[in-house]
Amino acid sequence: MSVNALSAAIAESDTAKMIEFLEDKTLPIEQVAEIYNAFKANKEIVGQVAMNLSLRTSVYERDKEYSPIMVDLLIDIASNPVDMGARWAVAKNPHTPVEVLRHLSSDSINLVRALVATNPSTPGDVLEKFFSDEKIVRDGLSGNPNTPAKLLKVLADDNDKMVRMRLAENSGAPKEIISLLLNDTDPDVAKAAEVNLGARE
């Protein structure tokens, strides 16, 4: 999209056009920032900017799409009161700065805290605090490579199969903890643990 087309749409305050632009995850990040800065009081657009940042960031290729502009947007969205819901996209983004994740770890919305718990950039001391949080938050710890080993050992005995499954697939979990799941009562969990250990050899 040309810069002129974007400028014209911003000048016309064409919300529908902005949302259409933002649905394209290949939109240059500079243009995403331009739209956000022009419409940061518009809940619908703030939410769509958050969605755009989420779509363009892969947890598997964490360095992809990284830019100082993205980090600035994540910081701003985290404290933007217009759309509280947009904080979920910030909570799960691996480029979100640690200090923002610390702030969001005390968020009143449990889904935001749950996504901070799964974020590979969240430090261990914050993850440790989540262990005494409600189940939806605590469950996210099992798949996080930063979760302290002593917590993962407890989660290896969790009654919830999905918690054990995420742990079995956790590439950052110590081998001895993954080995505990090789004899899991659920064959899917045991198989995932076997694949995880095999990938490390």
N, C-alpha and C. Protein backbone atom coordinates (compact mmCIF):
# COMPACT_ATOMS: atom_id res chain seq x y z
N MET A 1 0.84 -1.18 0.00
CA MET A 1 0.00 0.00 0.00
C MET A 1 0.88 1.24 0.00
N SER A 2 0.49 2.23 -0.79
CA SER A 2 1.31 3.45 -0.87
C SER A 2 1.12 4.30 0.39
N VAL A 3 2.16 5.05 0.70
CA VAL A 3 2.10 5.94 1.86
C VAL A 3 1.00 6.97 1.65
N ASN A 4 0.81 7.41 0.41
CA ASN A 4 -0.23 8.40 0.10
C ASN A 4 -1.63 7.86 0.38
N ALA A 5 -1.85 6.59 0.01
CA ALA A 5 -3.16 5.96 0.25
C ALA A 5 -3.43 5.89 1.74
N LEU A 6 -2.41 5.54 2.51
CA LEU A 6 -2.56 5.46 3.96
C LEU A 6 -2.85 6.84 4.54
N SER A 7 -2.07 7.83 4.12
CA SER A 7 -2.25 9.19 4.63
C SER A 7 -3.64 9.72 4.33
N ALA A 8 -4.15 9.40 3.13
CA ALA A 8 -5.48 9.86 2.74
C ALA A 8 -6.55 9.21 3.62
N ALA A 9 -6.39 7.91 3.87
CA ALA A 9 -7.37 7.19 4.70
C ALA A 9 -7.33 7.70 6.15
N ILE A 10 -6.12 8.01 6.64
CA ILE A 10 -5.99 8.55 8.00
C ILE A 10 -6.66 9.92 8.08
N ALA A 11 -6.42 10.73 7.05
CA ALA A 11 -7.01 12.08 7.00
C ALA A 11 -8.54 12.02 6.99
N GLU A 12 -9.08 10.99 6.35
CA GLU A 12 -10.54 10.84 6.27
C GLU A 12 -11.10 10.13 7.50
N SER A 13 -10.23 9.71 8.42
CA SER A 13 -10.65 8.93 9.61
C SER A 13 -11.51 7.74 9.20
N ASP A 14 -11.07 7.05 8.16
CA ASP A 14 -11.82 5.92 7.63
C ASP A 14 -11.47 4.64 8.42
N THR A 15 -12.25 4.39 9.48
CA THR A 15 -11.98 3.25 10.36
C THR A 15 -12.02 1.92 9.62
N ALA A 16 -13.02 1.74 8.74
CA ALA A 16 -13.14 0.48 8.01
C ALA A 16 -11.91 0.23 7.15
N LYS A 17 -11.40 1.28 6.55
CA LYS A 17 -10.21 1.16 5.70
C LYS A 17 -8.98 0.80 6.55
N MET A 18 -8.89 1.43 7.73
CA MET A 18 -7.76 1.15 8.63
C MET A 18 -7.75 -0.33 9.03
N ILE A 19 -8.93 -0.84 9.36
CA ILE A 19 -9.04 -2.24 9.79
C ILE A 19 -8.66 -3.16 8.63
N GLU A 20 -9.07 -2.79 7.43
CA GLU A 20 -8.72 -3.57 6.24
C GLU A 20 -7.19 -3.60 6.06
N PHE A 21 -6.56 -2.44 6.22
CA PHE A 21 -5.09 -2.36 6.11
C PHE A 21 -4.44 -3.27 7.15
N LEU A 22 -4.93 -3.20 8.40
CA LEU A 22 -4.32 -3.92 9.52
C LEU A 22 -4.51 -5.43 9.45
N GLU A 23 -5.49 -5.86 8.66
CA GLU A 23 -5.71 -7.31 8.51
C GLU A 23 -4.58 -7.96 7.71
N ASP A 24 -3.76 -7.13 7.07
CA ASP A 24 -2.63 -7.61 6.29
C ASP A 24 -1.38 -7.65 7.18
N LYS A 25 -0.94 -8.85 7.53
CA LYS A 25 0.21 -8.94 8.45
C LYS A 25 1.53 -8.55 7.79
N THR A 26 1.50 -8.35 6.46
CA THR A 26 2.73 -7.92 5.78
C THR A 26 2.79 -6.39 5.66
N LEU A 27 1.79 -5.71 6.20
CA LEU A 27 1.80 -4.24 6.20
C LEU A 27 3.07 -3.78 6.92
N PRO A 28 3.86 -2.89 6.33
CA PRO A 28 5.10 -2.45 7.02
C PRO A 28 4.80 -1.96 8.43
N ILE A 29 5.66 -2.35 9.36
CA ILE A 29 5.45 -2.02 10.77
C ILE A 29 5.39 -0.50 10.99
N GLU A 30 6.10 0.25 10.14
CA GLU A 30 6.05 1.72 10.25
C GLU A 30 4.63 2.23 10.00
N GLN A 31 3.93 1.57 9.07
CA GLN A 31 2.56 1.99 8.75
C GLN A 31 1.58 1.54 9.84
N VAL A 32 1.86 0.38 10.44
CA VAL A 32 1.04 -0.07 11.57
C VAL A 32 1.14 0.97 12.69
N ALA A 33 2.37 1.44 12.95
CA ALA A 33 2.60 2.44 14.01
C ALA A 33 1.90 3.75 13.67
N GLU A 34 1.93 4.13 12.39
CA GLU A 34 1.29 5.38 11.97
C GLU A 34 -0.23 5.32 12.22
N ILE A 35 -0.82 4.17 11.88
CA ILE A 35 -2.26 3.99 12.12
C ILE A 35 -2.55 4.02 13.62
N TYR A 36 -1.75 3.29 14.40
CA TYR A 36 -1.98 3.24 15.85
C TYR A 36 -1.89 4.63 16.47
N ASN A 37 -0.87 5.37 16.11
CA ASN A 37 -0.67 6.71 16.70
C ASN A 37 -1.78 7.68 16.32
N ALA A 38 -2.37 7.47 15.14
CA ALA A 38 -3.46 8.35 14.71
C ALA A 38 -4.79 7.96 15.35
N PHE A 39 -4.92 6.69 15.75
CA PHE A 39 -6.22 6.20 16.24
C PHE A 39 -6.12 5.51 17.60
N LYS A 40 -5.16 5.89 18.44
CA LYS A 40 -4.97 5.15 19.69
C LYS A 40 -6.11 5.32 20.68
N ALA A 41 -7.06 6.22 20.37
CA ALA A 41 -8.24 6.37 21.23
C ALA A 41 -9.42 5.56 20.69
N ASN A 42 -9.20 4.84 19.59
CA ASN A 42 -10.27 4.05 18.95
C ASN A 42 -10.10 2.58 19.35
N LYS A 43 -11.02 2.08 20.16
CA LYS A 43 -10.90 0.72 20.70
C LYS A 43 -10.78 -0.33 19.61
N GLU A 44 -11.59 -0.19 18.56
CA GLU A 44 -11.60 -1.19 17.49
C GLU A 44 -10.24 -1.26 16.78
N ILE A 45 -9.67 -0.09 16.54
CA ILE A 45 -8.38 -0.06 15.83
C ILE A 45 -7.24 -0.52 16.73
N VAL A 46 -7.28 -0.13 18.00
CA VAL A 46 -6.23 -0.60 18.94
C VAL A 46 -6.25 -2.13 18.99
N GLY A 47 -7.44 -2.70 19.05
CA GLY A 47 -7.58 -4.16 19.07
C GLY A 47 -7.04 -4.79 17.80
N GLN A 48 -7.27 -4.14 16.67
CA GLN A 48 -6.80 -4.67 15.39
C GLN A 48 -5.28 -4.55 15.25
N VAL A 49 -4.72 -3.47 15.80
CA VAL A 49 -3.25 -3.32 15.80
C VAL A 49 -2.64 -4.46 16.63
N ALA A 50 -3.24 -4.73 17.80
CA ALA A 50 -2.76 -5.82 18.66
C ALA A 50 -2.81 -7.15 17.91
N MET A 51 -3.90 -7.36 17.17
CA MET A 51 -4.07 -8.59 16.39
C MET A 51 -3.00 -8.68 15.30
N ASN A 52 -2.72 -7.54 14.64
CA ASN A 52 -1.71 -7.50 13.59
C ASN A 52 -0.33 -7.90 14.14
N LEU A 53 0.01 -7.36 15.31
CA LEU A 53 1.30 -7.67 15.92
C LEU A 53 1.37 -9.15 16.29
N SER A 54 0.23 -9.68 16.73
CA SER A 54 0.17 -11.08 17.12
C SER A 54 0.35 -11.99 15.91
N LEU A 55 -0.29 -11.65 14.80
CA LEU A 55 -0.23 -12.48 13.59
C LEU A 55 1.16 -12.50 12.97
N ARG A 56 1.88 -11.38 13.10
CA ARG A 56 3.17 -11.29 12.42
C ARG A 56 4.31 -11.84 13.27
N THR A 57 4.03 -12.29 14.48
CA THR A 57 5.07 -12.78 15.37
C THR A 57 4.91 -14.27 15.61
N SER A 58 5.95 -15.02 15.35
CA SER A 58 5.90 -16.46 15.58
C SER A 58 6.67 -16.82 16.84
N VAL A 59 6.08 -17.64 17.68
CA VAL A 59 6.80 -18.06 18.90
C VAL A 59 7.92 -19.03 18.53
N TYR A 60 7.84 -19.62 17.34
CA TYR A 60 8.87 -20.57 16.91
C TYR A 60 10.07 -19.87 16.28
N GLU A 61 9.82 -18.69 15.68
CA GLU A 61 10.91 -17.91 15.10
C GLU A 61 10.91 -16.56 15.81
N ARG A 62 11.43 -16.57 17.01
CA ARG A 62 11.26 -15.41 17.88
C ARG A 62 11.94 -14.15 17.36
N ASP A 63 12.99 -14.30 16.57
CA ASP A 63 13.69 -13.11 16.08
C ASP A 63 13.01 -12.50 14.86
N LYS A 64 12.14 -13.27 14.23
CA LYS A 64 11.45 -12.79 13.05
C LYS A 64 10.54 -11.62 13.42
N GLU A 65 10.55 -10.61 12.59
CA GLU A 65 9.68 -9.44 12.77
C GLU A 65 10.08 -8.55 13.94
N TYR A 66 11.16 -8.89 14.65
CA TYR A 66 11.55 -8.01 15.76
C TYR A 66 11.95 -6.64 15.22
N SER A 67 11.49 -5.60 15.90
CA SER A 67 11.93 -4.24 15.56
C SER A 67 11.65 -3.33 16.76
N PRO A 68 12.44 -2.27 16.92
CA PRO A 68 12.19 -1.32 18.01
C PRO A 68 10.78 -0.72 17.92
N ILE A 69 10.28 -0.58 16.69
CA ILE A 69 8.93 -0.01 16.51
C ILE A 69 7.89 -0.95 17.12
N MET A 70 8.06 -2.25 16.88
CA MET A 70 7.12 -3.22 17.45
C MET A 70 7.16 -3.16 18.97
N VAL A 71 8.35 -3.10 19.53
CA VAL A 71 8.49 -3.05 20.99
C VAL A 71 7.80 -1.81 21.55
N ASP A 72 7.99 -0.67 20.89
CA ASP A 72 7.32 0.58 21.33
C ASP A 72 5.80 0.43 21.29
N LEU A 73 5.30 -0.22 20.24
CA LEU A 73 3.84 -0.43 20.13
C LEU A 73 3.34 -1.33 21.26
N LEU A 74 4.08 -2.40 21.53
CA LEU A 74 3.69 -3.34 22.60
C LEU A 74 3.63 -2.63 23.95
N ILE A 75 4.63 -1.78 24.22
CA ILE A 75 4.68 -1.04 25.48
C ILE A 75 3.47 -0.12 25.60
N ASP A 76 3.16 0.57 24.50
CA ASP A 76 2.05 1.53 24.52
C ASP A 76 0.70 0.83 24.67
N ILE A 77 0.51 -0.25 23.93
CA ILE A 77 -0.76 -0.99 23.99
C ILE A 77 -0.99 -1.55 25.40
N ALA A 78 0.09 -1.97 26.06
CA ALA A 78 -0.03 -2.57 27.41
C ALA A 78 -0.65 -1.61 28.40
N SER A 79 -0.47 -0.31 28.19
CA SER A 79 -1.02 0.67 29.14
C SER A 79 -2.13 1.52 28.52
N ASN A 80 -2.61 1.12 27.35
CA ASN A 80 -3.67 1.88 26.69
C ASN A 80 -5.02 1.50 27.32
N PRO A 81 -5.69 2.46 27.98
CA PRO A 81 -6.94 2.13 28.68
C PRO A 81 -8.14 1.95 27.75
N VAL A 82 -7.96 2.29 26.46
CA VAL A 82 -9.09 2.23 25.51
C VAL A 82 -9.55 0.80 25.28
N ASP A 83 -8.60 -0.11 25.12
CA ASP A 83 -8.96 -1.51 24.88
C ASP A 83 -8.18 -2.42 25.81
N MET A 84 -8.80 -2.72 26.95
CA MET A 84 -8.16 -3.59 27.94
C MET A 84 -7.87 -4.97 27.34
N GLY A 85 -8.75 -5.41 26.45
CA GLY A 85 -8.62 -6.74 25.86
C GLY A 85 -7.37 -6.90 25.01
N ALA A 86 -6.87 -5.79 24.46
CA ALA A 86 -5.70 -5.85 23.58
C ALA A 86 -4.45 -6.29 24.35
N ARG A 87 -4.52 -6.25 25.67
CA ARG A 87 -3.35 -6.62 26.47
C ARG A 87 -2.99 -8.10 26.30
N TRP A 88 -3.97 -8.94 25.90
CA TRP A 88 -3.66 -10.35 25.70
C TRP A 88 -2.59 -10.52 24.62
N ALA A 89 -2.68 -9.68 23.56
CA ALA A 89 -1.73 -9.80 22.45
C ALA A 89 -0.33 -9.39 22.90
N VAL A 90 -0.27 -8.44 23.83
CA VAL A 90 1.02 -7.99 24.37
C VAL A 90 1.58 -9.08 25.29
N ALA A 91 0.69 -9.68 26.09
CA ALA A 91 1.10 -10.70 27.06
C ALA A 91 1.73 -11.91 26.39
N LYS A 92 1.28 -12.27 25.19
CA LYS A 92 1.79 -13.47 24.54
C LYS A 92 2.94 -13.22 23.58
N ASN A 93 3.24 -11.94 23.29
CA ASN A 93 4.25 -11.63 22.28
C ASN A 93 5.66 -11.81 22.85
N PRO A 94 6.50 -12.63 22.21
CA PRO A 94 7.85 -12.87 22.74
C PRO A 94 8.75 -11.64 22.70
N HIS A 95 8.34 -10.58 21.97
CA HIS A 95 9.14 -9.35 21.91
C HIS A 95 8.76 -8.35 23.00
N THR A 96 7.74 -8.67 23.79
CA THR A 96 7.33 -7.76 24.86
C THR A 96 8.43 -7.67 25.91
N PRO A 97 8.86 -6.45 26.27
CA PRO A 97 9.93 -6.31 27.26
C PRO A 97 9.55 -6.92 28.61
N VAL A 98 10.57 -7.40 29.32
CA VAL A 98 10.37 -8.07 30.61
C VAL A 98 9.62 -7.18 31.60
N GLU A 99 9.93 -5.87 31.61
CA GLU A 99 9.26 -5.00 32.59
C GLU A 99 7.76 -4.89 32.32
N VAL A 100 7.37 -4.99 31.04
CA VAL A 100 5.94 -4.97 30.69
C VAL A 100 5.30 -6.29 31.11
N LEU A 101 6.00 -7.40 30.90
CA LEU A 101 5.47 -8.70 31.33
C LEU A 101 5.30 -8.74 32.85
N ARG A 102 6.25 -8.14 33.56
CA ARG A 102 6.12 -8.08 35.03
C ARG A 102 4.85 -7.31 35.41
N HIS A 103 4.62 -6.20 34.72
CA HIS A 103 3.43 -5.38 34.98
C HIS A 103 2.16 -6.19 34.69
N LEU A 104 2.14 -6.88 33.55
CA LEU A 104 0.96 -7.65 33.15
C LEU A 104 0.76 -8.90 34.01
N SER A 105 1.79 -9.32 34.72
CA SER A 105 1.65 -10.52 35.56
C SER A 105 0.70 -10.29 36.73
N SER A 106 0.38 -9.01 36.98
CA SER A 106 -0.57 -8.68 38.04
C SER A 106 -1.91 -8.21 37.46
N ASP A 107 -2.12 -8.45 36.18
CA ASP A 107 -3.33 -8.00 35.51
C ASP A 107 -4.57 -8.62 36.16
N SER A 108 -5.66 -7.87 36.15
CA SER A 108 -6.90 -8.37 36.77
C SER A 108 -7.57 -9.45 35.91
N ILE A 109 -7.23 -9.51 34.62
CA ILE A 109 -7.84 -10.50 33.72
C ILE A 109 -6.98 -11.77 33.71
N ASN A 110 -7.59 -12.90 34.08
CA ASN A 110 -6.81 -14.13 34.21
C ASN A 110 -6.21 -14.61 32.89
N LEU A 111 -6.89 -14.34 31.75
CA LEU A 111 -6.35 -14.76 30.46
C LEU A 111 -5.04 -14.03 30.16
N VAL A 112 -4.97 -12.75 30.54
CA VAL A 112 -3.72 -11.98 30.32
C VAL A 112 -2.60 -12.61 31.15
N ARG A 113 -2.88 -12.93 32.41
CA ARG A 113 -1.87 -13.56 33.26
C ARG A 113 -1.48 -14.94 32.71
N ALA A 114 -2.48 -15.67 32.20
CA ALA A 114 -2.22 -17.01 31.65
C ALA A 114 -1.28 -16.93 30.45
N LEU A 115 -1.43 -15.88 29.63
CA LEU A 115 -0.56 -15.74 28.46
C LEU A 115 0.83 -15.27 28.85
N VAL A 116 0.92 -14.48 29.91
CA VAL A 116 2.25 -14.10 30.43
C VAL A 116 2.95 -15.38 30.91
N ALA A 117 2.18 -16.29 31.51
CA ALA A 117 2.74 -17.55 32.02
C ALA A 117 3.31 -18.42 30.91
N THR A 118 2.76 -18.30 29.69
CA THR A 118 3.26 -19.12 28.57
C THR A 118 4.35 -18.41 27.78
N ASN A 119 4.56 -17.11 28.03
CA ASN A 119 5.50 -16.32 27.23
C ASN A 119 6.95 -16.73 27.53
N PRO A 120 7.70 -17.14 26.50
CA PRO A 120 9.07 -17.59 26.73
C PRO A 120 10.02 -16.48 27.21
N SER A 121 9.56 -15.23 27.18
CA SER A 121 10.40 -14.13 27.67
C SER A 121 10.15 -13.81 29.15
N THR A 122 9.14 -14.44 29.74
CA THR A 122 8.81 -14.17 31.14
C THR A 122 9.86 -14.80 32.05
N PRO A 123 10.45 -14.01 32.97
CA PRO A 123 11.50 -14.54 33.84
C PRO A 123 10.97 -15.52 34.89
N GLY A 124 11.87 -16.37 35.37
CA GLY A 124 11.52 -17.43 36.31
C GLY A 124 10.85 -16.97 37.59
N ASP A 125 11.26 -15.82 38.13
CA ASP A 125 10.67 -15.37 39.40
C ASP A 125 9.20 -15.01 39.24
N VAL A 126 8.84 -14.49 38.06
CA VAL A 126 7.42 -14.17 37.78
C VAL A 126 6.65 -15.48 37.61
N LEU A 127 7.23 -16.44 36.91
CA LEU A 127 6.57 -17.73 36.69
C LEU A 127 6.33 -18.45 38.02
N GLU A 128 7.29 -18.31 38.93
CA GLU A 128 7.15 -18.95 40.24
C GLU A 128 5.93 -18.39 40.98
N LYS A 129 5.70 -17.10 40.83
CA LYS A 129 4.56 -16.45 41.48
C LYS A 129 3.23 -17.01 40.95
N PHE A 130 3.23 -17.38 39.67
CA PHE A 130 2.00 -17.89 39.05
C PHE A 130 1.61 -19.27 39.58
N PHE A 131 2.52 -19.96 40.22
CA PHE A 131 2.23 -21.32 40.65
C PHE A 131 1.08 -21.36 41.66
N SER A 132 0.89 -20.26 42.38
CA SER A 132 -0.21 -20.21 43.35
C SER A 132 -1.43 -19.46 42.80
N ASP A 133 -1.40 -19.16 41.49
CA ASP A 133 -2.52 -18.47 40.84
C ASP A 133 -3.61 -19.49 40.50
N GLU A 134 -4.71 -19.03 39.88
CA GLU A 134 -5.78 -19.96 39.52
C GLU A 134 -5.34 -20.91 38.40
N LYS A 135 -6.09 -21.99 38.23
CA LYS A 135 -5.69 -23.08 37.33
C LYS A 135 -5.37 -22.63 35.91
N ILE A 136 -6.19 -21.77 35.32
CA ILE A 136 -5.97 -21.34 33.93
C ILE A 136 -4.59 -20.69 33.77
N VAL A 137 -4.11 -20.02 34.82
CA VAL A 137 -2.80 -19.37 34.78
C VAL A 137 -1.69 -20.39 35.03
N ARG A 138 -1.88 -21.18 36.08
CA ARG A 138 -0.86 -22.17 36.47
C ARG A 138 -0.60 -23.18 35.35
N ASP A 139 -1.66 -23.55 34.64
CA ASP A 139 -1.52 -24.55 33.58
C ASP A 139 -0.55 -24.13 32.49
N GLY A 140 -0.42 -22.83 32.27
CA GLY A 140 0.47 -22.34 31.22
C GLY A 140 1.94 -22.55 31.52
N LEU A 141 2.26 -22.80 32.78
CA LEU A 141 3.66 -22.93 33.19
C LEU A 141 4.33 -24.18 32.61
N SER A 142 3.54 -25.23 32.40
CA SER A 142 4.14 -26.51 32.02
C SER A 142 4.84 -26.47 30.66
N GLY A 143 4.41 -25.58 29.78
CA GLY A 143 5.03 -25.52 28.46
C GLY A 143 6.09 -24.44 28.32
N ASN A 144 6.33 -23.69 29.38
CA ASN A 144 7.27 -22.58 29.29
C ASN A 144 8.70 -23.04 29.60
N PRO A 145 9.64 -22.82 28.67
CA PRO A 145 11.01 -23.27 28.90
C PRO A 145 11.71 -22.57 30.07
N ASN A 146 11.16 -21.44 30.54
CA ASN A 146 11.77 -20.71 31.65
C ASN A 146 11.25 -21.13 33.03
N THR A 147 10.23 -21.97 33.05
CA THR A 147 9.65 -22.37 34.34
C THR A 147 10.68 -23.13 35.17
N PRO A 148 10.89 -22.73 36.43
CA PRO A 148 11.88 -23.41 37.27
C PRO A 148 11.61 -24.92 37.36
N ALA A 149 12.69 -25.71 37.35
CA ALA A 149 12.58 -27.17 37.35
C ALA A 149 11.76 -27.71 38.52
N LYS A 150 11.87 -27.08 39.70
CA LYS A 150 11.14 -27.60 40.87
C LYS A 150 9.62 -27.53 40.65
N LEU A 151 9.17 -26.53 39.87
CA LEU A 151 7.73 -26.42 39.58
C LEU A 151 7.33 -27.44 38.52
N LEU A 152 8.20 -27.63 37.53
CA LEU A 152 7.90 -28.60 36.47
C LEU A 152 7.77 -30.01 37.05
N LYS A 153 8.58 -30.30 38.06
CA LYS A 153 8.54 -31.63 38.68
C LYS A 153 7.17 -31.88 39.31
N VAL A 154 6.61 -30.85 39.93
CA VAL A 154 5.27 -30.97 40.53
C VAL A 154 4.22 -31.13 39.43
N LEU A 155 4.37 -30.36 38.35
CA LEU A 155 3.40 -30.40 37.25
C LEU A 155 3.43 -31.74 36.50
N ALA A 156 4.52 -32.48 36.62
CA ALA A 156 4.61 -33.79 35.97
C ALA A 156 3.58 -34.76 36.55
N ASP A 157 3.09 -34.45 37.77
CA ASP A 157 2.07 -35.31 38.42
C ASP A 157 0.68 -34.69 38.35
N ASP A 158 0.52 -33.65 37.56
CA ASP A 158 -0.78 -32.96 37.49
C ASP A 158 -1.86 -33.91 36.96
N ASN A 159 -3.09 -33.74 37.48
CA ASN A 159 -4.20 -34.60 37.04
C ASN A 159 -4.65 -34.29 35.61
N ASP A 160 -4.36 -33.09 35.14
CA ASP A 160 -4.80 -32.65 33.82
C ASP A 160 -3.84 -33.17 32.74
N LYS A 161 -4.36 -33.97 31.83
CA LYS A 161 -3.52 -34.55 30.77
C LYS A 161 -2.84 -33.45 29.95
N MET A 162 -3.54 -32.36 29.66
CA MET A 162 -2.98 -31.32 28.81
C MET A 162 -1.79 -30.62 29.47
N VAL A 163 -1.82 -30.51 30.79
CA VAL A 163 -0.69 -29.93 31.52
C VAL A 163 0.54 -30.84 31.33
N ARG A 164 0.33 -32.14 31.50
CA ARG A 164 1.45 -33.09 31.34
C ARG A 164 1.91 -33.15 29.89
N MET A 165 0.97 -33.00 28.96
CA MET A 165 1.32 -33.02 27.53
C MET A 165 2.21 -31.83 27.17
N ARG A 166 1.83 -30.64 27.65
CA ARG A 166 2.67 -29.46 27.37
C ARG A 166 4.05 -29.61 27.99
N LEU A 167 4.11 -30.23 29.16
CA LEU A 167 5.39 -30.47 29.81
C LEU A 167 6.21 -31.47 29.00
N ALA A 168 5.56 -32.52 28.53
CA ALA A 168 6.25 -33.54 27.73
C ALA A 168 6.85 -32.94 26.46
N GLU A 169 6.21 -31.90 25.94
CA GLU A 169 6.68 -31.26 24.69
C GLU A 169 7.62 -30.09 24.95
N ASN A 170 7.83 -29.74 26.22
CA ASN A 170 8.62 -28.55 26.59
C ASN A 170 10.11 -28.80 26.31
N SER A 171 10.63 -28.13 25.29
CA SER A 171 12.03 -28.34 24.88
C SER A 171 13.03 -27.81 25.90
N GLY A 172 12.56 -26.94 26.80
CA GLY A 172 13.47 -26.37 27.79
C GLY A 172 13.46 -27.09 29.13
N ALA A 173 12.58 -28.06 29.28
CA ALA A 173 12.49 -28.80 30.56
C ALA A 173 13.67 -29.75 30.69
N PRO A 174 14.20 -29.92 31.92
CA PRO A 174 15.33 -30.84 32.12
C PRO A 174 14.97 -32.27 31.71
N LYS A 175 15.96 -32.98 31.18
CA LYS A 175 15.74 -34.37 30.70
C LYS A 175 15.16 -35.27 31.78
N GLU A 176 15.66 -35.08 33.01
CA GLU A 176 15.20 -35.99 34.08
C GLU A 176 13.71 -35.82 34.37
N ILE A 177 13.19 -34.62 34.13
CA ILE A 177 11.75 -34.40 34.37
C ILE A 177 10.94 -34.97 33.21
N ILE A 178 11.42 -34.79 31.99
CA ILE A 178 10.74 -35.37 30.83
C ILE A 178 10.73 -36.91 30.96
N SER A 179 11.82 -37.45 31.49
CA SER A 179 11.92 -38.91 31.65
C SER A 179 10.83 -39.47 32.57
N LEU A 180 10.38 -38.63 33.53
CA LEU A 180 9.31 -39.06 34.44
C LEU A 180 8.03 -39.36 33.68
N LEU A 181 7.87 -38.72 32.50
CA LEU A 181 6.63 -38.86 31.74
C LEU A 181 6.68 -40.01 30.73
N LEU A 182 7.83 -40.69 30.63
CA LEU A 182 7.94 -41.80 29.67
C LEU A 182 6.98 -42.94 30.02
N ASN A 183 6.63 -43.04 31.30
CA ASN A 183 5.70 -44.10 31.74
C ASN A 183 4.35 -43.52 32.14
N ASP A 184 4.00 -42.38 31.55
CA ASP A 184 2.74 -41.74 31.89
C ASP A 184 1.56 -42.67 31.59
N THR A 185 0.50 -42.52 32.37
CA THR A 185 -0.70 -43.36 32.17
C THR A 185 -1.36 -43.08 30.82
N ASP A 186 -1.13 -41.88 30.27
CA ASP A 186 -1.70 -41.55 28.96
C ASP A 186 -0.65 -41.80 27.87
N PRO A 187 -0.97 -42.65 26.90
CA PRO A 187 0.03 -42.99 25.87
C PRO A 187 0.49 -41.79 25.03
N ASP A 188 -0.38 -40.80 24.85
CA ASP A 188 -0.01 -39.61 24.06
C ASP A 188 1.08 -38.81 24.78
N VAL A 189 0.94 -38.70 26.10
CA VAL A 189 1.93 -37.97 26.90
C VAL A 189 3.26 -38.72 26.88
N ALA A 190 3.20 -40.04 27.06
CA ALA A 190 4.41 -40.86 27.06
C ALA A 190 5.14 -40.74 25.71
N LYS A 191 4.36 -40.76 24.63
CA LYS A 191 4.94 -40.66 23.27
C LYS A 191 5.59 -39.29 23.08
N ALA A 192 4.93 -38.23 23.53
CA ALA A 192 5.48 -36.87 23.39
C ALA A 192 6.79 -36.74 24.15
N ALA A 193 6.86 -37.35 25.34
CA ALA A 193 8.09 -37.32 26.13
C ALA A 193 9.21 -38.05 25.40
N GLU A 194 8.87 -39.17 24.78
CA GLU A 194 9.86 -39.97 24.04
C GLU A 194 10.40 -39.17 22.84
N VAL A 195 9.51 -38.49 22.13
CA VAL A 195 9.91 -37.67 20.97
C VAL A 195 10.81 -36.51 21.43
N ASN A 196 10.42 -35.88 22.53
CA ASN A 196 11.19 -34.76 23.08
C ASN A 196 12.63 -35.20 23.42
N LEU A 197 12.75 -36.30 24.12
CA LEU A 197 14.07 -36.79 24.52
C LEU A 197 14.88 -37.22 23.31
N GLY A 198 14.19 -37.83 22.32
CA GLY A 198 14.87 -38.27 21.11
C GLY A 198 15.45 -37.10 20.31
N ALA A 199 14.76 -35.97 20.34
CA ALA A 199 15.20 -34.80 19.59
C ALA A 199 16.45 -34.18 20.19
N ARG A 200 16.75 -34.52 21.44
CA ARG A 200 17.91 -33.92 22.12
C ARG A 200 19.19 -34.70 21.93
N GLU A 201 19.06 -35.90 21.38
CA GLU A 201 20.25 -36.77 21.27
C GLU A 201 21.06 -36.43 20.03
